[in-house]
């Protein structure tokens, strides 16, 4: 087997596969920096995935589909944030409720609209535009890996850059981080910590909505529970990335590469159970978290 013909397509697919992880994690970073653990990312992504493909099918427009998916996710995030911050509900219970609501709601709506609780395929959804830059595509290896993805992949990279600027170069970002470090200081300045926390939840809803849209619009179909734990893995990426945008990019790529490898391994691995190969991304997630916990504990003891 020519390993170059095997590895380059796998790396190319890794860049695409990492996109939902990256989008959910970069939004979840805002909530983490504001002092909250947003475990509702899984449910938010699923809401975005469902409504984006539904409206794209109804209108025949990718743009309208993504926009409606984002709006539905923002509305869900707003309810989640309001219940948690203003009605004083436990944020973990509210997050779990969101994660439980999303699959139930999407299944019920799918049955009511299409009479189908299983996979729903759409034939009238346009393909997400793919970026082709012939001059860059001719660059050896790098062109093969980084060029030729759909625009949502590049939007995710742009959002990472915007996140870096907002978090580290703006007053909003400074106050957001201050809210997470010491909310009393923010109150002493006459500012509302809840404002920054709710803003962070809405930002996470925005990026999770795009991540969900990526999943369904790429397939032109809705599959029940299509997110398949990606929101949870995004939480792992936040911590594995040390709560830094660049670290989150690297962590998301690791998970994307693992899933890409598992897809390729199904065709070449002989004698290895298919269920084990399909479970590889989740096994890696658990192993990475264990190693990260050990490293964190060791570092804390050595200081």
Protein backbone atom coordinates (compact mmCIF):
# COMPACT_ATOMS: atom_id res chain seq x y z
CA UNK A 1 0.00 0.00 0.00
CA UNK A 2 1.28 3.48 -0.86
CA UNK A 3 1.12 5.26 2.49
CA UNK A 4 1.09 8.73 0.92
CA UNK A 5 -2.06 7.90 -1.03
CA UNK A 6 -3.57 6.65 2.21
CA UNK A 7 -2.46 9.36 4.65
CA UNK A 8 -3.14 12.52 2.63
CA UNK A 9 -6.85 11.79 2.01
CA UNK A 10 -7.16 10.76 5.65
CA UNK A 11 -5.62 14.05 6.79
CA UNK A 12 -7.86 15.93 4.34
CA UNK A 13 -10.92 14.25 5.84
CA UNK A 14 -9.62 14.91 9.35
CA UNK A 15 -9.75 18.65 8.67
CA UNK A 16 -13.39 18.34 7.63
CA UNK A 17 -14.40 15.95 10.41
CA UNK A 18 -12.89 18.16 13.13
CA UNK A 19 -15.14 21.09 12.15
CA UNK A 20 -18.18 20.28 14.38
CA UNK A 21 -15.85 19.60 17.32
CA UNK A 22 -14.05 22.88 16.73
CA UNK A 23 -17.21 24.95 16.35
CA UNK A 24 -18.86 23.57 19.49
CA UNK A 25 -15.66 23.80 21.52
CA UNK A 26 -14.76 27.36 20.54
CA UNK A 27 -18.23 28.50 21.61
CA UNK A 28 -18.03 26.41 24.76
CA UNK A 29 -14.75 28.16 25.55
CA UNK A 30 -16.64 31.41 26.09
CA UNK A 31 -18.93 29.83 28.68
CA UNK A 32 -15.96 28.15 30.36
CA UNK A 33 -14.10 31.46 30.61
CA UNK A 34 -17.21 33.07 32.11
CA UNK A 35 -17.15 30.52 34.92
CA UNK A 36 -19.69 27.97 33.62
CA UNK A 37 -19.45 24.47 32.22
CA UNK A 38 -21.87 24.30 29.32
CA UNK A 39 -22.85 20.65 29.08
CA UNK A 40 -25.76 21.56 26.78
CA UNK A 41 -23.51 21.68 23.68
CA UNK A 42 -24.71 18.26 22.54
CA UNK A 43 -28.36 19.29 22.60
CA UNK A 44 -27.66 22.67 21.01
CA UNK A 45 -25.81 21.02 18.12
CA UNK A 46 -28.68 18.60 17.53
CA UNK A 47 -31.22 21.44 17.42
CA UNK A 48 -29.06 23.26 14.88
CA UNK A 49 -28.62 20.09 12.84
CA UNK A 50 -32.36 19.43 12.62
CA UNK A 51 -33.69 22.90 11.87
CA UNK A 52 -30.95 23.80 9.39
CA UNK A 53 -31.60 20.80 7.15
CA UNK A 54 -35.39 21.15 7.47
CA UNK A 55 -35.43 24.79 6.40
CA UNK A 56 -32.80 24.20 3.72
CA UNK A 57 -35.09 21.52 2.28
CA UNK A 58 -38.21 23.70 2.49
CA UNK A 59 -36.57 26.76 0.93
CA UNK A 60 -33.93 25.20 -1.29
CA UNK A 61 -31.39 27.59 0.20
CA UNK A 62 -28.31 26.56 2.14
CA UNK A 63 -27.98 30.07 3.56
CA UNK A 64 -31.55 30.20 4.88
CA UNK A 65 -31.16 26.70 6.29
CA UNK A 66 -28.03 27.63 8.23
CA UNK A 67 -29.60 30.89 9.38
CA UNK A 68 -32.73 29.15 10.68
CA UNK A 69 -30.63 26.48 12.36
CA UNK A 70 -28.64 29.18 14.13
CA UNK A 71 -31.80 31.03 15.18
CA UNK A 72 -33.35 27.84 16.58
CA UNK A 73 -30.17 27.11 18.51
CA UNK A 74 -29.93 30.67 19.81
CA UNK A 75 -33.52 30.45 21.05
CA UNK A 76 -32.75 27.16 22.82
CA UNK A 77 -29.56 28.65 24.30
CA UNK A 78 -31.51 31.70 25.47
CA UNK A 79 -34.05 29.52 27.30
CA UNK A 80 -31.25 27.42 28.79
CA UNK A 81 -29.38 30.55 29.89
CA UNK A 82 -32.45 32.29 31.29
CA UNK A 83 -33.50 29.24 33.30
CA UNK A 84 -29.97 28.77 34.64
CA UNK A 85 -29.00 32.37 35.36
CA UNK A 86 -32.23 34.20 36.12
CA UNK A 87 -34.50 31.46 37.46
CA UNK A 88 -31.55 30.01 39.43
CA UNK A 89 -31.94 26.46 38.13
CA UNK A 90 -28.92 24.21 38.55
CA UNK A 91 -26.94 24.70 35.34
CA UNK A 92 -25.96 21.05 35.12
CA UNK A 93 -29.56 19.89 35.41
CA UNK A 94 -30.65 22.53 32.91
CA UNK A 95 -27.90 21.39 30.55
CA UNK A 96 -28.90 17.75 30.88
CA UNK A 97 -32.53 18.75 30.30
CA UNK A 98 -31.48 20.49 27.08
CA UNK A 99 -29.58 17.40 25.97
CA UNK A 100 -32.61 15.21 26.71
CA UNK A 101 -35.07 17.63 25.10
CA UNK A 102 -33.22 17.89 21.78
CA UNK A 103 -33.46 14.23 20.63
CA UNK A 104 -37.05 13.95 21.84
CA UNK A 105 -38.14 17.20 20.19
CA UNK A 106 -36.42 16.47 16.87
CA UNK A 107 -37.84 12.94 16.74
CA UNK A 108 -41.39 14.14 17.47
CA UNK A 109 -41.17 16.96 14.91
CA UNK A 110 -39.68 14.64 12.29
CA UNK A 111 -42.57 12.21 12.78
CA UNK A 112 -45.20 14.97 12.72
CA UNK A 113 -43.79 16.58 9.58
CA UNK A 114 -42.54 13.58 7.60
CA UNK A 115 -44.18 10.61 9.31
CA UNK A 116 -40.75 9.09 9.86
CA UNK A 117 -38.77 8.52 13.05
CA UNK A 118 -35.72 7.22 11.21
CA UNK A 119 -33.38 8.68 8.60
CA UNK A 120 -34.93 11.45 6.53
CA UNK A 121 -33.27 12.14 3.19
CA UNK A 122 -33.71 15.30 1.13
CA UNK A 123 -32.98 15.44 -2.58
CA UNK A 124 -33.52 19.15 -3.13
CA UNK A 125 -30.81 20.53 -0.83
CA UNK A 126 -27.96 22.24 -2.70
CA UNK A 127 -24.45 21.19 -1.83
CA UNK A 128 -22.51 23.42 0.52
CA UNK A 129 -20.14 25.46 -1.71
CA UNK A 130 -16.60 24.11 -1.81
CA UNK A 131 -13.61 26.44 -1.92
CA UNK A 132 -11.30 25.75 -4.84
CA UNK A 133 -8.11 27.81 -5.24
CA UNK A 134 -6.14 26.29 -8.11
CA UNK A 135 -2.96 28.20 -7.28
CA UNK A 136 -2.97 26.84 -3.70
CA UNK A 137 -4.24 23.40 -4.63
CA UNK A 138 -1.02 22.87 -6.60
CA UNK A 139 1.07 23.31 -3.44
CA UNK A 140 2.35 19.81 -2.59
CA UNK A 141 0.75 18.12 0.43
CA UNK A 142 -0.54 21.34 2.05
CA UNK A 143 -2.81 22.08 -0.90
CA UNK A 144 -4.13 18.53 -0.85
CA UNK A 145 -4.89 18.72 2.88
CA UNK A 146 -6.20 22.24 3.44
CA UNK A 147 -7.86 23.21 0.14
CA UNK A 148 -11.08 21.81 -1.29
CA UNK A 149 -13.25 21.86 1.82
CA UNK A 150 -16.70 23.41 2.03
CA UNK A 151 -17.05 26.96 3.25
CA UNK A 152 -18.21 25.99 6.74
CA UNK A 153 -14.75 24.53 7.39
CA UNK A 154 -13.14 27.87 6.62
CA UNK A 155 -15.82 29.74 8.56
CA UNK A 156 -14.85 27.66 11.60
CA UNK A 157 -11.24 28.82 11.20
CA UNK A 158 -12.40 32.42 10.85
CA UNK A 159 -14.46 32.09 14.03
CA UNK A 160 -11.37 30.86 15.89
CA UNK A 161 -9.50 34.00 14.82
CA UNK A 162 -12.45 36.18 15.84
CA UNK A 163 -12.61 34.36 19.19
CA UNK A 164 -8.93 35.11 19.83
CA UNK A 165 -9.48 38.80 19.11
CA UNK A 166 -12.66 39.04 21.20
CA UNK A 167 -11.27 37.13 24.18
CA UNK A 168 -7.85 38.77 24.39
CA UNK A 169 -8.14 42.12 22.61
CA UNK A 170 -11.51 43.61 23.58
CA UNK A 171 -13.04 45.00 26.79
CA UNK A 172 -15.82 42.41 26.47
CA UNK A 173 -13.28 39.60 26.50
CA UNK A 174 -11.46 41.06 29.48
CA UNK A 175 -14.70 41.36 31.45
CA UNK A 176 -15.80 37.89 30.36
CA UNK A 177 -12.60 36.39 31.73
CA UNK A 178 -12.93 38.54 34.82
CA UNK A 179 -16.39 37.12 35.39
CA UNK A 180 -14.97 33.64 35.44
CA UNK A 181 -12.05 34.55 37.68
CA UNK A 182 -13.84 36.77 40.19
CA UNK A 183 -17.42 37.84 39.58
CA UNK A 184 -17.36 40.10 42.66
CA UNK A 185 -14.83 42.33 40.96
CA UNK A 186 -17.13 42.67 37.96
CA UNK A 187 -20.00 43.63 40.26
CA UNK A 188 -17.77 46.17 42.00
CA UNK A 189 -17.25 47.84 38.63
CA UNK A 190 -21.01 48.20 38.29
CA UNK A 191 -21.27 45.46 35.67
CA UNK A 192 -23.51 42.40 35.60
CA UNK A 193 -21.78 38.98 35.57
CA UNK A 194 -25.02 37.42 34.37
CA UNK A 195 -24.89 39.59 31.25
CA UNK A 196 -21.51 38.20 30.27
CA UNK A 197 -22.48 34.66 31.18
CA UNK A 198 -25.68 34.83 29.13
CA UNK A 199 -23.73 36.36 26.25
CA UNK A 200 -21.28 33.46 26.46
CA UNK A 201 -24.14 30.93 26.35
CA UNK A 202 -25.59 32.65 23.27
CA UNK A 203 -22.16 32.62 21.59
CA UNK A 204 -21.90 28.90 22.29
CA UNK A 205 -25.38 28.46 20.81
CA UNK A 206 -24.33 30.35 17.68
CA UNK A 207 -21.26 28.21 17.02
CA UNK A 208 -23.00 24.96 18.02
CA UNK A 209 -25.78 25.79 15.56
CA UNK A 210 -23.26 26.08 12.72
CA UNK A 211 -21.63 22.85 13.86
CA UNK A 212 -24.96 21.05 13.78
CA UNK A 213 -25.77 22.50 10.36
CA UNK A 214 -22.46 21.18 9.07
CA UNK A 215 -23.41 17.62 10.03
CA UNK A 216 -26.79 17.44 8.31
CA UNK A 217 -26.22 19.70 5.32
CA UNK A 218 -23.11 17.74 4.41
CA UNK A 219 -25.22 14.58 4.24
CA UNK A 220 -28.38 16.11 2.85
CA UNK A 221 -30.23 14.10 5.47
CA UNK A 222 -31.24 14.06 9.11
CA UNK A 223 -30.29 11.06 11.19
CA UNK A 224 -31.71 10.77 14.71
CA UNK A 225 -29.01 11.66 17.26
CA UNK A 226 -26.68 12.62 14.43
CA UNK A 227 -24.42 14.51 16.84
CA UNK A 228 -23.46 11.14 18.43
CA UNK A 229 -21.62 12.61 21.40
CA UNK A 230 -19.74 15.33 19.52
CA UNK A 231 -20.93 17.97 21.98
CA UNK A 232 -19.46 15.96 24.84
CA UNK A 233 -16.20 15.47 22.96
CA UNK A 234 -16.12 19.24 22.36
CA UNK A 235 -16.13 19.71 26.14
CA UNK A 236 -13.13 17.41 26.35
CA UNK A 237 -11.41 19.44 23.62
CA UNK A 238 -11.81 22.60 25.72
CA UNK A 239 -9.93 21.07 28.64
CA UNK A 240 -7.45 19.14 26.53
CA UNK A 241 -6.72 22.42 24.74
CA UNK A 242 -6.00 24.06 28.11
CA UNK A 243 -8.87 26.50 27.54
CA UNK A 244 -6.92 28.21 24.75
CA UNK A 245 -8.17 28.68 21.16
CA UNK A 246 -5.01 27.20 19.60
CA UNK A 247 -5.10 24.28 22.01
CA UNK A 248 -8.74 23.66 21.09
CA UNK A 249 -7.81 23.59 17.39
CA UNK A 250 -5.15 20.96 18.09
CA UNK A 251 -7.45 18.90 20.31
CA UNK A 252 -10.25 19.05 17.73
CA UNK A 253 -7.84 17.86 15.05
CA UNK A 254 -6.82 14.91 17.24
CA UNK A 255 -10.44 13.83 17.55
CA UNK A 256 -11.09 14.50 13.87
CA UNK A 257 -8.05 12.45 12.89
CA UNK A 258 -9.13 9.60 15.16
CA UNK A 259 -12.58 9.48 13.56
CA UNK A 260 -11.08 9.72 10.08
CA UNK A 261 -8.68 6.89 10.89
CA UNK A 262 -11.55 4.74 12.18
CA UNK A 263 -13.42 5.32 8.91
CA UNK A 264 -10.42 4.22 6.85
CA UNK A 265 -9.59 1.34 9.18
CA UNK A 266 -12.96 -0.30 8.51
CA UNK A 267 -11.80 -1.01 4.98
CA UNK A 268 -8.31 -2.29 5.74
CA UNK A 269 -8.39 -3.81 9.23
CA UNK A 270 -8.97 -7.55 9.07
CA UNK A 271 -9.93 -9.53 12.11
CA UNK A 272 -10.75 -6.48 14.22
CA UNK A 273 -14.44 -6.18 15.18
CA UNK A 274 -16.17 -3.35 13.34
CA UNK A 275 -17.84 -2.18 16.57
CA UNK A 276 -14.44 -1.67 18.14
CA UNK A 277 -13.24 0.39 15.18
CA UNK A 278 -16.40 2.54 15.24
CA UNK A 279 -15.95 3.08 18.98
CA UNK A 280 -12.33 4.18 18.54
CA UNK A 281 -13.03 7.96 18.73
CA UNK A 282 -14.84 7.51 22.03
CA UNK A 283 -12.15 5.19 23.39
CA UNK A 284 -9.53 7.79 22.51
CA UNK A 285 -11.63 10.46 24.23
CA UNK A 286 -11.72 8.46 27.47
CA UNK A 287 -8.01 7.63 27.32
CA UNK A 288 -7.08 11.25 26.60
CA UNK A 289 -9.16 12.47 29.53
CA UNK A 290 -7.55 9.96 31.87
CA UNK A 291 -4.05 10.94 30.74
CA UNK A 292 -4.94 14.63 30.98
CA UNK A 293 -6.27 14.16 34.53
CA UNK A 294 -3.10 12.33 35.55
CA UNK A 295 -0.92 15.04 34.02
CA UNK A 296 -2.95 17.81 35.69
CA UNK A 297 -2.71 16.08 39.08
CA UNK A 298 1.04 15.55 38.67
CA UNK A 299 1.60 19.18 37.65
CA UNK A 300 -0.44 20.43 40.63
CA UNK A 301 1.62 18.31 43.05
CA UNK A 302 4.93 19.46 41.57
CA UNK A 303 4.12 23.14 42.02
